[in-house]
Amino acid sequence: MKSEQSVYESLVTLLDRTIEDLAPADIELDSDLKDDLDIDSLARLEVVAAIEEHWSIKVPEEDAEELRTVRQTVHYIIEATSTPA
């Protein structure tokens, strides 16, 4: 099972590469993707696609809509990557 810290660090790197004008120092576990990080619906689609590619998982649209914070996203990734396909 992947640790929260390692997934968080990978996610911060991924967000930094995917979203323009987003400083890694601004990304905290409890940051709200929309309110704190200004990730709009189009950017969210890009982030979800990057998550799917990086971790080789599928994130259904209804699940993606529920991911509101960095912490929720990290826990979703941990769960999705620890569950056998």
C-alpha atoms as a PDB file:
ATOM      1  CA  MET A   1       0.000   0.000   0.000  1.00  0.00           C
ATOM      2  CA  LYS A   2       1.304   3.422  -0.911  1.00  0.00           C
ATOM      3  CA  SER A   3       1.775   5.963   1.871  1.00  0.00           C
ATOM      4  CA  GLU A   4      -0.262   9.147   2.022  1.00  0.00           C
ATOM      5  CA  GLN A   5       2.950  11.198   1.918  1.00  0.00           C
ATOM      6  CA  SER A   6       4.346   9.525  -1.211  1.00  0.00           C
ATOM      7  CA  VAL A   7       1.048   9.837  -3.103  1.00  0.00           C
ATOM      8  CA  TYR A   8       0.704  13.447  -1.926  1.00  0.00           C
ATOM      9  CA  GLU A   9       4.199  14.315  -3.187  1.00  0.00           C
ATOM     10  CA  SER A  10       3.505  12.658  -6.549  1.00  0.00           C
ATOM     11  CA  LEU A  11       0.153  14.444  -6.811  1.00  0.00           C
ATOM     12  CA  VAL A  12       1.754  17.829  -6.054  1.00  0.00           C
ATOM     13  CA  THR A  13       4.265  17.215  -8.852  1.00  0.00           C
ATOM     14  CA  LEU A  14       1.467  16.156 -11.203  1.00  0.00           C
ATOM     15  CA  LEU A  15      -0.645  19.224 -10.348  1.00  0.00           C
ATOM     16  CA  ASP A  16       2.357  21.489 -10.864  1.00  0.00           C
ATOM     17  CA  ARG A  17       2.957  20.000 -14.325  1.00  0.00           C
ATOM     18  CA  THR A  18      -0.724  19.996 -15.304  1.00  0.00           C
ATOM     19  CA  ILE A  19      -2.010  23.344 -14.019  1.00  0.00           C
ATOM     20  CA  GLU A  20      -0.436  26.637 -15.070  1.00  0.00           C
ATOM     21  CA  ASP A  21       0.241  29.269 -12.409  1.00  0.00           C
ATOM     22  CA  LEU A  22       0.005  26.767  -9.561  1.00  0.00           C
ATOM     23  CA  ALA A  23       2.928  26.836  -7.154  1.00  0.00           C
ATOM     24  CA  PRO A  24       3.716  23.555  -5.372  1.00  0.00           C
ATOM     25  CA  ALA A  25       4.161  25.520  -2.128  1.00  0.00           C
ATOM     26  CA  ASP A  26       0.467  26.502  -2.339  1.00  0.00           C
ATOM     27  CA  ILE A  27      -0.720  22.883  -2.454  1.00  0.00           C
ATOM     28  CA  GLU A  28      -1.571  21.486   0.976  1.00  0.00           C
ATOM     29  CA  LEU A  29      -3.391  18.288   1.904  1.00  0.00           C
ATOM     30  CA  ASP A  30      -6.514  20.190   2.888  1.00  0.00           C
ATOM     31  CA  SER A  31      -6.481  22.551  -0.088  1.00  0.00           C
ATOM     32  CA  ASP A  32      -9.809  22.666  -1.886  1.00  0.00           C
ATOM     33  CA  LEU A  33      -9.198  22.011  -5.571  1.00  0.00           C
ATOM     34  CA  LYS A  34     -11.659  24.661  -6.733  1.00  0.00           C
ATOM     35  CA  ASP A  35     -11.713  27.276  -3.978  1.00  0.00           C
ATOM     36  CA  ASP A  36      -8.050  27.249  -2.895  1.00  0.00           C
ATOM     37  CA  LEU A  37      -6.263  26.115  -6.047  1.00  0.00           C
ATOM     38  CA  ASP A  38      -8.628  27.628  -8.652  1.00  0.00           C
ATOM     39  CA  ILE A  39      -8.952  24.354 -10.556  1.00  0.00           C
ATOM     40  CA  ASP A  40     -12.017  24.822 -12.763  1.00  0.00           C
ATOM     41  CA  SER A  41     -14.017  22.060 -14.446  1.00  0.00           C
ATOM     42  CA  LEU A  42     -11.814  21.959 -17.549  1.00  0.00           C
ATOM     43  CA  ALA A  43      -8.629  21.850 -15.493  1.00  0.00           C
ATOM     44  CA  ARG A  44     -10.203  19.136 -13.313  1.00  0.00           C
ATOM     45  CA  LEU A  45     -10.644  16.979 -16.427  1.00  0.00           C
ATOM     46  CA  GLU A  46      -6.968  17.475 -17.249  1.00  0.00           C
ATOM     47  CA  VAL A  47      -5.972  16.564 -13.694  1.00  0.00           C
ATOM     48  CA  VAL A  48      -8.140  13.431 -13.708  1.00  0.00           C
ATOM     49  CA  ALA A  49      -6.659  12.350 -17.055  1.00  0.00           C
ATOM     50  CA  ALA A  50      -3.152  12.883 -15.669  1.00  0.00           C
ATOM     51  CA  ILE A  51      -4.017  10.883 -12.520  1.00  0.00           C
ATOM     52  CA  GLU A  52      -5.417   8.047 -14.638  1.00  0.00           C
ATOM     53  CA  GLU A  53      -2.288   7.964 -16.766  1.00  0.00           C
ATOM     54  CA  HIS A  54       0.213   8.311 -13.913  1.00  0.00           C
ATOM     55  CA  TRP A  55      -1.336   5.699 -11.617  1.00  0.00           C
ATOM     56  CA  SER A  56      -2.867   3.481 -14.346  1.00  0.00           C
ATOM     57  CA  ILE A  57      -6.338   3.735 -12.853  1.00  0.00           C
ATOM     58  CA  LYS A  58      -9.778   4.680 -14.152  1.00  0.00           C
ATOM     59  CA  VAL A  59     -11.603   7.487 -12.346  1.00  0.00           C
ATOM     60  CA  PRO A  60     -15.314   7.425 -13.230  1.00  0.00           C
ATOM     61  CA  GLU A  61     -16.871  10.861 -13.759  1.00  0.00           C
ATOM     62  CA  GLU A  62     -19.101  10.525 -10.695  1.00  0.00           C
ATOM     63  CA  ASP A  63     -16.030   9.781  -8.542  1.00  0.00           C
ATOM     64  CA  ALA A  64     -14.065  12.673 -10.051  1.00  0.00           C
ATOM     65  CA  GLU A  65     -16.863  15.079  -9.142  1.00  0.00           C
ATOM     66  CA  GLU A  66     -16.619  14.006  -5.487  1.00  0.00           C
ATOM     67  CA  LEU A  67     -12.895  14.750  -5.207  1.00  0.00           C
ATOM     68  CA  ARG A  68     -12.961  18.191  -3.642  1.00  0.00           C
ATOM     69  CA  THR A  69      -9.676  18.365  -1.699  1.00  0.00           C
ATOM     70  CA  VAL A  70      -6.127  17.221  -2.231  1.00  0.00           C
ATOM     71  CA  ARG A  71      -6.516  14.833   0.748  1.00  0.00           C
ATOM     72  CA  GLN A  72      -9.653  13.233  -0.750  1.00  0.00           C
ATOM     73  CA  THR A  73      -7.809  12.806  -4.034  1.00  0.00           C
ATOM     74  CA  VAL A  74      -4.787  11.240  -2.326  1.00  0.00           C
ATOM     75  CA  HIS A  75      -7.007   8.773  -0.443  1.00  0.00           C
ATOM     76  CA  TYR A  76      -8.920   7.952  -3.627  1.00  0.00           C
ATOM     77  CA  ILE A  77      -5.638   7.158  -5.410  1.00  0.00           C
ATOM     78  CA  ILE A  78      -4.421   4.991  -2.511  1.00  0.00           C
ATOM     79  CA  GLU A  79      -7.708   3.070  -2.508  1.00  0.00           C
ATOM     80  CA  ALA A  80      -7.799   2.690  -6.301  1.00  0.00           C
ATOM     81  CA  THR A  81      -4.205   1.480  -6.545  1.00  0.00           C
ATOM     82  CA  SER A  82      -4.502  -0.985  -3.670  1.00  0.00           C
ATOM     83  CA  THR A  83      -7.655  -2.653  -4.996  1.00  0.00           C
ATOM     84  CA  PRO A  84      -7.021  -5.497  -7.450  1.00  0.00           C
ATOM     85  CA  ALA A  85      -8.566  -4.915 -10.865  1.00  0.00           C
END
